[in-house]
Amino acid sequence: MAHWHNWSGRLKHKPGQLNHVYSEEQAAALALTCSNEDKTLRAVGGGHSHQDLVGNDDVIVDTLGLSGVISSDKAAQTAWVWAGSRIFSLGNALHQVGLALPNQGDIDQQSISGATATGTHGTGATLKNLSSRVVGTRLALADGSMINCSASENVELWQASRLHLGAFGIITQLQLALTPSYRLAEKTWQAPLSTLLEELDSYIANNRHCEFFWHPRTDTTQVKVINATDAPAQYPLGDEGQRQGWSYEVLPNHRPHKHTEMEYSVPAELGITCMAAIQKLLSDKFTNVKWPIEYRTLAQDDVWLSTAYERPTVTISVHQGIDEPDEDYYRACEEIFLAHGGKPHWGKANYLNGKEMAAQHPRWSDWWRVRDSVDPKGTFLNPYMHSIRP
C-alpha cells in the first residue's frame, strides 16, 4: 500500500494507489477510471496544506510531473503554465520572458495549482491572492474529457474553479495574469507592538508590502516592508530583511521548521482589534506558546470562495510545532477570529462545518452547484470535502 504525507508530516495516509501523472492524456484516463470504479481521486502538488484536503483511502495523484511554462504573451502579460509547477520554478522561467507574478507568499514550495486551490496569498493592501490571477484553466473531468474555461468560455466553471479545493477535476494547465518583471528592496526592523499598532495604518498605506511578526508575551515585533525599486539587484542577496533583487528572489523566505498553522482573514478595519484579542489570549491563557503571530494584508477580490471576497482583508496566523499540542489553542483563537468576522484559510487548520462555511461565503451554493455539474458522482470529494458540503 502506498504512503503519503504532507510537508509537515502531521497528515499521513495510506491510499490504495499513489499515482504520478506526466501528461493530460494520463490525467484524463485516471479521472475516468476512478469515476467508473467509484473511487475517490484527489490531486496533490507540494503537499503544503495543513488541512486534510488530499487524504482518502482510494487514489492520490501527484501532479508535479506537469511542470514548466507552456507559452507566454508579453504584450498581454499572461502565460500558460503546467499546474504542477512549483512556484519557485516559475520565477526565473517567467522572468526570462519579462514577466512575473504580481505577488506571492513567503513560501514558494507549493505547486501553482495547489496554491490557487486554496487562495494562497502574500501581503499587500493593494495585492490580491493567487487565485485571482487565474484567467484560464484546463482540467481533466471525471468523464475523461478535457475542458477549457475562462472569462469567455465555460464562464461559471472558470469562476468557481479559480479557487477549486481539488474538487472539480485534475487541473492540468493554468493561464495566469502577470505583470512585467520588477525588482524589490526589503527592510526589516524591530519595534514595540504598542507603538507599531499606532503607526500600522500608515505603514500599510505607504508600502507595497507590509507585515509583522509579534513574539508572544513581549512588546517586540519584527516588521518588514518591501517596495519596488529601479536600483539594480545586489548579489549575493544576503539575509532576509536586506535583500534587493527580482521579485521572485525577494518575496520567498526559508521556513525550515515544521509546524501546524491556523490563519483567519478578518475585515481590514477589525485587524488591529482582533490582533489585540489574540495578544491577550496568549498573555493570559496560553502562556507556553512560543511561536510568533503573523499579521498581513490582502486586497479584496471577486473569487467566489476567497477569504477576501468583496472586502479588504487582514490575515492573522497562529502556529505551533508539529510535536506540540495545538487544538485547544487553535479553537480558542478561532473563537476570537469568528467574533471578528473571520474566514479560515482553506489550506490551514479550522474546525468549521459546512453550515458555518456557507454562512461565511455568499457564493457557497453556486460553487457547489457548478462543482456538482461536472462531477455528479463525487469522484473528487474526499472525507474532508464531504464533511463541509451542503
Protein backbone atom coordinates (compact mmCIF):
# COMPACT_ATOMS: atom_id res chain seq x y z
CA MET A 1 0.00 0.00 0.00
CA ALA A 2 1.26 3.49 -0.87
CA HIS A 3 2.21 6.05 1.78
CA TRP A 4 1.69 9.79 1.54
CA HIS A 5 2.29 12.63 3.99
CA ASN A 6 2.11 16.37 3.76
CA TRP A 7 5.04 18.80 4.13
CA SER A 8 4.94 18.88 7.93
CA GLY A 9 4.42 15.15 8.38
CA ARG A 10 1.34 15.77 10.54
CA LEU A 11 -1.07 14.49 7.85
CA LYS A 12 -0.40 10.89 6.82
CA HIS A 13 -2.39 8.49 4.63
CA LYS A 14 -2.16 5.07 3.05
CA PRO A 15 -4.23 5.30 -0.15
CA GLY A 16 -4.82 2.25 -2.28
CA GLN A 17 -2.87 3.95 -5.06
CA LEU A 18 -0.38 6.81 -5.26
CA ASN A 19 -0.15 7.76 -8.94
CA HIS A 20 2.02 10.23 -10.82
CA VAL A 21 0.82 11.93 -14.00
CA TYR A 22 3.05 13.33 -16.72
CA SER A 23 0.50 14.15 -19.45
CA GLU A 24 -3.06 15.33 -19.88
CA GLU A 25 -3.95 12.03 -21.53
CA GLN A 26 -2.82 10.19 -18.43
CA ALA A 27 -4.73 12.56 -16.16
CA ALA A 28 -7.95 12.20 -18.16
CA ALA A 29 -7.70 8.40 -18.24
CA LEU A 30 -7.11 8.24 -14.48
CA ALA A 31 -10.08 10.51 -13.78
CA LEU A 32 -12.37 8.34 -15.93
CA THR A 33 -11.13 5.09 -14.40
CA CYS A 34 -11.68 6.33 -10.86
CA SER A 35 -15.16 7.54 -11.73
CA ASN A 36 -16.11 4.25 -13.36
CA GLU A 37 -14.78 2.30 -10.38
CA ASP A 38 -16.44 4.63 -7.81
CA LYS A 39 -13.09 5.54 -6.33
CA THR A 40 -12.17 8.84 -4.72
CA LEU A 41 -9.41 10.75 -6.52
CA ARG A 42 -7.53 13.70 -5.05
CA ALA A 43 -4.63 15.55 -6.63
CA VAL A 44 -1.61 16.84 -4.73
CA GLY A 45 1.26 19.15 -5.61
CA GLY A 46 3.72 20.29 -2.96
CA GLY A 47 1.59 18.91 -0.10
CA HIS A 48 1.93 22.13 1.84
CA SER A 49 -1.60 22.41 3.23
CA HIS A 50 -2.29 21.92 6.93
CA GLN A 51 -5.91 20.99 6.21
CA ASP A 52 -6.66 17.41 5.11
CA LEU A 53 -7.62 18.31 1.56
CA VAL A 54 -5.85 15.31 0.00
CA GLY A 55 -6.36 12.32 2.28
CA ASN A 56 -8.55 9.41 1.18
CA ASP A 57 -8.38 5.61 1.06
CA ASP A 58 -8.53 5.26 -2.71
CA VAL A 59 -6.27 7.30 -5.03
CA ILE A 60 -3.92 10.25 -4.59
CA VAL A 61 -2.34 11.62 -7.77
CA ASP A 62 0.91 13.60 -7.68
CA THR A 63 0.84 16.34 -10.34
CA LEU A 64 4.42 17.61 -10.02
CA GLY A 65 5.29 15.90 -13.30
CA LEU A 66 3.15 18.50 -15.06
CA SER A 67 5.66 21.30 -14.66
CA GLY A 68 7.01 24.29 -16.57
CA VAL A 69 5.93 27.29 -18.64
CA ILE A 70 3.96 26.26 -21.72
CA SER A 71 3.62 29.61 -23.51
CA SER A 72 3.67 33.31 -22.73
CA ASP A 73 2.35 36.56 -24.18
CA LYS A 74 4.39 39.52 -23.00
CA ALA A 75 2.08 42.06 -24.61
CA ALA A 76 -1.00 40.59 -22.92
CA GLN A 77 1.02 39.89 -19.75
CA THR A 78 -0.22 36.32 -19.49
CA ALA A 79 1.31 32.85 -19.54
CA TRP A 80 0.06 29.28 -19.63
CA VAL A 81 1.84 27.07 -17.11
CA TRP A 82 1.57 23.42 -16.16
CA ALA A 83 -0.49 23.14 -12.99
CA GLY A 84 2.06 21.06 -11.09
CA SER A 85 4.79 23.68 -11.42
CA ARG A 86 6.34 24.61 -8.09
CA ILE A 87 6.10 28.35 -7.55
CA PHE A 88 9.86 28.60 -7.09
CA SER A 89 10.37 27.09 -10.55
CA LEU A 90 8.20 29.70 -12.25
CA GLY A 91 10.07 32.81 -11.07
CA ASN A 92 13.14 32.68 -13.29
CA ALA A 93 11.29 30.95 -16.15
CA LEU A 94 8.77 33.80 -16.36
CA HIS A 95 11.50 36.38 -15.85
CA GLN A 96 13.25 35.11 -18.98
CA VAL A 97 10.27 36.35 -21.00
CA GLY A 98 9.97 39.58 -18.99
CA LEU A 99 7.04 38.57 -16.77
CA ALA A 100 6.40 37.97 -13.07
CA LEU A 101 3.69 37.11 -10.58
CA PRO A 102 2.33 40.37 -9.11
CA ASN A 103 2.68 38.82 -5.66
CA GLN A 104 3.30 35.51 -3.94
CA GLY A 105 3.52 34.10 -0.44
CA ASP A 106 6.64 33.90 1.62
CA ILE A 107 6.79 30.14 0.97
CA ASP A 108 7.31 29.14 -2.66
CA GLN A 109 7.38 25.35 -2.34
CA GLN A 110 3.72 24.84 -3.29
CA SER A 111 2.55 23.86 -6.74
CA ILE A 112 0.80 26.72 -8.52
CA SER A 113 -2.43 24.71 -8.75
CA GLY A 114 -2.29 23.83 -5.05
CA ALA A 115 -1.71 27.47 -4.15
CA THR A 116 -4.62 28.69 -6.28
CA ALA A 117 -6.76 25.79 -4.99
CA THR A 118 -6.64 27.28 -1.50
CA GLY A 119 -6.46 31.04 -2.09
CA THR A 120 -2.82 31.30 -1.04
CA HIS A 121 -1.52 34.88 -0.87
CA GLY A 122 1.29 37.15 0.14
CA THR A 123 0.92 40.53 1.79
CA GLY A 124 -0.03 43.95 0.41
CA ALA A 125 -3.18 46.01 0.82
CA THR A 126 -3.39 46.53 -2.97
CA LEU A 127 -2.39 42.97 -3.91
CA LYS A 128 -4.80 40.07 -4.39
CA ASN A 129 -4.35 36.35 -3.78
CA LEU A 130 -3.01 33.91 -6.37
CA SER A 131 -6.47 32.54 -7.23
CA SER A 132 -7.45 35.95 -8.56
CA ARG A 133 -4.64 35.71 -11.14
CA VAL A 134 -6.17 32.65 -12.82
CA VAL A 135 -7.67 33.80 -16.14
CA GLY A 136 -7.84 30.39 -17.80
CA THR A 137 -7.93 26.75 -16.71
CA ARG A 138 -7.67 23.39 -18.41
CA LEU A 139 -8.78 20.34 -16.46
CA ALA A 140 -9.48 16.62 -16.76
CA LEU A 141 -13.03 15.82 -15.71
CA ALA A 142 -14.46 12.66 -14.18
CA ASP A 143 -15.96 11.65 -17.55
CA GLY A 144 -12.47 11.54 -19.10
CA SER A 145 -12.85 14.74 -21.09
CA MET A 146 -10.51 17.72 -21.14
CA ILE A 147 -12.19 21.10 -20.84
CA ASN A 148 -11.07 24.72 -21.06
CA CYS A 149 -12.63 27.53 -19.09
CA SER A 150 -12.07 31.27 -18.86
CA ALA A 151 -13.98 34.54 -18.60
CA SER A 152 -15.28 33.88 -22.14
CA GLU A 153 -15.62 30.07 -22.20
CA ASN A 154 -17.43 27.92 -19.62
CA VAL A 155 -17.52 31.04 -17.52
CA GLU A 156 -19.13 29.68 -14.36
CA LEU A 157 -16.72 26.77 -14.26
CA TRP A 158 -13.82 29.20 -14.54
CA GLN A 159 -15.19 31.44 -11.81
CA ALA A 160 -15.81 28.56 -9.43
CA SER A 161 -12.58 26.69 -10.14
CA ARG A 162 -10.21 29.61 -9.67
CA LEU A 163 -10.27 28.51 -6.02
CA HIS A 164 -11.09 24.85 -6.62
CA LEU A 165 -10.09 22.88 -3.48
CA GLY A 166 -9.23 19.97 -5.79
CA ALA A 167 -12.93 19.23 -6.19
CA PHE A 168 -13.62 19.76 -9.90
CA GLY A 169 -11.12 17.50 -11.66
CA ILE A 170 -7.39 17.25 -12.20
CA ILE A 171 -6.19 20.76 -13.06
CA THR A 172 -3.55 20.36 -15.78
CA GLN A 173 -2.90 23.91 -17.01
CA LEU A 174 -3.44 27.43 -15.70
CA GLN A 175 -3.33 30.73 -17.54
CA LEU A 176 -2.07 33.44 -15.22
CA ALA A 177 -2.44 37.22 -15.38
CA LEU A 178 1.06 38.57 -14.77
CA THR A 179 3.00 41.81 -14.68
CA PRO A 180 6.29 42.93 -16.24
CA SER A 181 9.36 41.76 -14.31
CA TYR A 182 10.18 44.06 -11.40
CA ARG A 183 12.73 44.42 -8.64
CA LEU A 184 12.10 44.79 -4.92
CA ALA A 185 14.03 46.05 -1.92
CA GLU A 186 13.12 44.96 1.59
CA LYS A 187 13.74 46.41 5.02
CA THR A 188 13.16 44.93 8.48
CA TRP A 189 13.41 46.29 11.99
CA GLN A 190 12.17 45.62 15.49
CA ALA A 191 9.51 47.81 17.04
CA PRO A 192 7.37 47.75 20.20
CA LEU A 193 3.94 46.30 19.42
CA SER A 194 2.18 49.20 21.15
CA THR A 195 4.00 51.76 19.01
CA LEU A 196 3.66 49.74 15.82
CA LEU A 197 -0.11 49.39 16.09
CA GLU A 198 -0.44 53.16 16.38
CA GLU A 199 1.52 53.60 13.15
CA LEU A 200 0.41 50.48 11.31
CA ASP A 201 -2.18 52.08 9.01
CA SER A 202 0.48 54.46 7.73
CA TYR A 203 2.98 51.65 7.12
CA ILE A 204 0.37 49.64 5.23
CA ALA A 205 -0.71 52.62 3.11
CA ASN A 206 2.82 53.73 2.23
CA ASN A 207 4.46 50.42 1.36
CA ARG A 208 3.75 47.88 -1.36
CA HIS A 209 4.17 45.07 1.18
CA CYS A 210 3.94 45.36 4.96
CA GLU A 211 3.80 42.62 7.57
CA PHE A 212 4.94 41.90 11.07
CA PHE A 213 5.54 39.05 13.50
CA TRP A 214 4.73 39.51 17.18
CA HIS A 215 6.56 37.43 19.77
CA PRO A 216 4.10 36.30 22.50
CA ARG A 217 4.21 37.93 25.92
CA THR A 218 6.64 40.58 24.78
CA ASP A 219 6.24 44.03 23.34
CA THR A 220 8.55 43.07 20.48
CA THR A 221 7.63 42.80 16.80
CA GLN A 222 9.66 42.13 13.69
CA VAL A 223 8.39 44.47 10.97
CA LYS A 224 9.09 44.04 7.26
CA VAL A 225 8.29 46.32 4.35
CA ILE A 226 9.08 45.66 0.69
CA ASN A 227 8.86 48.16 -2.15
CA ALA A 228 9.53 48.26 -5.87
CA THR A 229 12.89 49.71 -6.86
CA ASP A 230 14.68 50.73 -10.04
CA ALA A 231 18.03 50.07 -8.39
CA PRO A 232 19.95 47.06 -9.69
CA ALA A 233 19.85 43.72 -7.89
CA GLN A 234 22.58 43.24 -5.32
CA TYR A 235 24.24 39.84 -5.19
CA PRO A 236 24.68 37.86 -3.10
CA LEU A 237 21.21 38.66 -1.88
CA GLY A 238 22.10 38.41 1.79
CA ASP A 239 19.78 37.59 4.65
CA GLU A 240 16.05 38.12 4.80
CA GLY A 241 15.34 41.75 5.55
CA GLN A 242 18.08 43.31 3.47
CA ARG A 243 17.65 41.80 0.03
CA GLN A 244 17.42 43.75 -3.22
CA GLY A 245 16.65 41.75 -6.33
CA TRP A 246 13.97 40.50 -8.68
CA SER A 247 10.56 39.90 -7.12
CA TYR A 248 10.85 36.12 -7.14
CA GLU A 249 14.19 36.39 -5.33
CA VAL A 250 12.98 38.70 -2.57
CA LEU A 251 9.42 37.60 -1.77
CA PRO A 252 10.06 33.98 -0.66
CA ASN A 253 11.73 33.05 2.60
CA HIS A 254 13.24 29.88 4.00
CA ARG A 255 10.87 28.30 6.54
CA PRO A 256 12.55 25.02 7.62
CA HIS A 257 10.85 24.50 10.98
CA LYS A 258 7.96 22.04 10.73
CA HIS A 259 4.74 23.41 12.15
CA THR A 260 0.96 23.47 12.00
CA GLU A 261 -0.89 26.68 11.30
CA MET A 262 -4.26 28.38 11.57
CA GLU A 263 -4.92 31.56 9.63
CA TYR A 264 -8.08 33.64 9.52
CA SER A 265 -8.93 36.62 7.35
CA VAL A 266 -10.83 39.41 9.08
CA PRO A 267 -12.20 42.67 7.67
CA ALA A 268 -9.31 45.14 7.41
CA GLU A 269 -10.93 47.61 9.77
CA LEU A 270 -11.04 44.95 12.53
CA GLY A 271 -7.46 43.74 12.14
CA ILE A 272 -5.89 45.68 14.98
CA THR A 273 -8.77 44.90 17.37
CA CYS A 274 -8.56 41.20 16.54
CA MET A 275 -4.79 41.25 16.99
CA ALA A 276 -5.22 42.76 20.45
CA ALA A 277 -7.61 39.96 21.43
CA ILE A 278 -5.14 37.30 20.26
CA GLN A 279 -2.38 39.09 22.16
CA LYS A 280 -4.46 38.99 25.36
CA LEU A 281 -5.28 35.30 24.88
CA LEU A 282 -1.59 34.42 24.65
CA SER A 283 -0.65 36.62 27.58
CA ASP A 284 -3.44 35.39 29.87
CA LYS A 285 -4.10 31.75 28.99
CA PHE A 286 -1.73 30.07 26.53
CA THR A 287 1.45 31.12 28.24
CA ASN A 288 3.51 28.22 26.91
CA VAL A 289 3.05 29.08 23.22
CA LYS A 290 6.29 30.42 21.80
CA TRP A 291 5.60 30.62 18.06
CA PRO A 292 5.08 34.19 16.78
CA ILE A 293 1.86 35.63 15.38
CA GLU A 294 1.92 36.84 11.77
CA TYR A 295 -0.08 39.86 10.55
CA ARG A 296 -0.57 40.60 6.83
CA THR A 297 -2.90 42.44 4.47
CA LEU A 298 -4.80 41.35 1.37
CA ALA A 299 -6.80 43.24 -1.27
CA GLN A 300 -10.42 42.36 -1.96
CA ASP A 301 -11.28 40.21 -4.99
CA ASP A 302 -14.22 38.55 -6.74
CA VAL A 303 -13.20 34.88 -6.35
CA TRP A 304 -16.22 33.01 -5.01
CA LEU A 305 -14.61 31.17 -2.08
CA SER A 306 -11.84 33.68 -1.42
CA THR A 307 -11.44 34.84 2.16
CA ALA A 308 -11.08 38.34 0.68
CA TYR A 309 -14.24 38.13 -1.43
CA GLU A 310 -15.50 41.70 -1.84
CA ARG A 311 -13.73 43.01 1.26
CA PRO A 312 -10.26 44.43 2.08
CA THR A 313 -8.70 41.98 4.47
CA VAL A 314 -6.17 41.46 7.23
CA THR A 315 -4.87 37.93 7.80
CA ILE A 316 -3.64 36.75 11.19
CA SER A 317 -1.77 33.45 11.50
CA VAL A 318 -1.02 31.40 14.60
CA HIS A 319 1.40 28.48 14.68
CA GLN A 320 2.59 25.51 16.72
CA GLY A 321 5.37 22.98 16.23
CA ILE A 322 4.22 19.64 14.84
CA ASP A 323 5.09 17.87 18.10
CA GLU A 324 3.27 20.39 20.29
CA PRO A 325 -0.44 20.29 21.25
CA ASP A 326 -2.44 22.77 19.21
CA GLU A 327 -6.18 22.03 19.23
CA ASP A 328 -7.16 23.83 22.44
CA TYR A 329 -5.06 26.80 21.42
CA TYR A 330 -6.41 26.90 17.88
CA ARG A 331 -10.02 26.53 19.00
CA ALA A 332 -9.60 29.46 21.38
CA CYS A 333 -8.07 31.55 18.59
CA GLU A 334 -10.86 30.51 16.24
CA GLU A 335 -13.48 31.84 18.66
CA ILE A 336 -11.76 35.23 18.55
CA PHE A 337 -11.40 35.17 14.77
CA LEU A 338 -15.06 34.29 14.28
CA ALA A 339 -16.12 37.05 16.67
CA HIS A 340 -14.30 39.46 14.36
CA GLY A 341 -15.92 38.23 11.15
CA GLY A 342 -13.03 35.93 10.26
CA LYS A 343 -12.89 33.36 7.46
CA PRO A 344 -10.36 30.48 7.62
CA HIS A 345 -7.63 29.97 5.05
CA TRP A 346 -8.56 26.87 3.06
CA GLY A 347 -5.14 25.27 3.41
CA LYS A 348 -4.81 25.68 7.16
CA ALA A 349 -6.45 24.36 10.31
CA ASN A 350 -10.05 25.16 11.17
CA TYR A 351 -12.94 23.39 12.89
CA LEU A 352 -15.92 24.67 10.91
CA ASN A 353 -18.66 22.58 9.33
CA GLY A 354 -20.48 23.11 6.05
CA LYS A 355 -23.28 25.16 7.59
CA GLU A 356 -20.78 27.53 9.16
CA MET A 357 -18.81 27.78 5.90
CA ALA A 358 -22.00 28.52 3.97
CA ALA A 359 -22.77 31.43 6.30
CA GLN A 360 -19.36 32.94 5.52
CA HIS A 361 -19.31 32.61 1.73
CA PRO A 362 -22.13 34.28 -0.25
CA ARG A 363 -21.41 32.15 -3.34
CA TRP A 364 -21.18 28.84 -1.45
CA SER A 365 -24.24 27.24 -3.07
CA ASP A 366 -23.19 28.47 -6.51
CA TRP A 367 -19.73 26.95 -6.08
CA TRP A 368 -21.17 23.59 -5.12
CA ARG A 369 -23.78 23.72 -7.92
CA VAL A 370 -21.07 24.22 -10.55
CA ARG A 371 -18.86 21.61 -8.92
CA ASP A 372 -21.62 19.00 -8.86
CA SER A 373 -22.44 19.69 -12.51
CA VAL A 374 -19.03 18.40 -13.66
CA ASP A 375 -18.62 15.66 -11.03
CA PRO A 376 -22.10 14.41 -10.09
CA LYS A 377 -20.77 11.15 -8.61
CA GLY A 378 -18.39 12.96 -6.26
CA THR A 379 -15.23 11.33 -7.59
CA PHE A 380 -13.18 14.34 -6.46
CA LEU A 381 -14.66 14.63 -2.97
CA ASN A 382 -12.63 13.20 -0.11
CA PRO A 383 -13.84 12.82 3.51
CA TYR A 384 -12.96 16.42 4.39
CA MET A 385 -14.88 17.80 1.40
CA HIS A 386 -17.87 15.61 2.25
CA SER A 387 -17.77 17.00 5.80
CA ILE A 388 -18.33 20.56 4.59
CA ARG A 389 -20.65 20.03 1.64
CA PRO A 390 -24.22 21.43 1.85
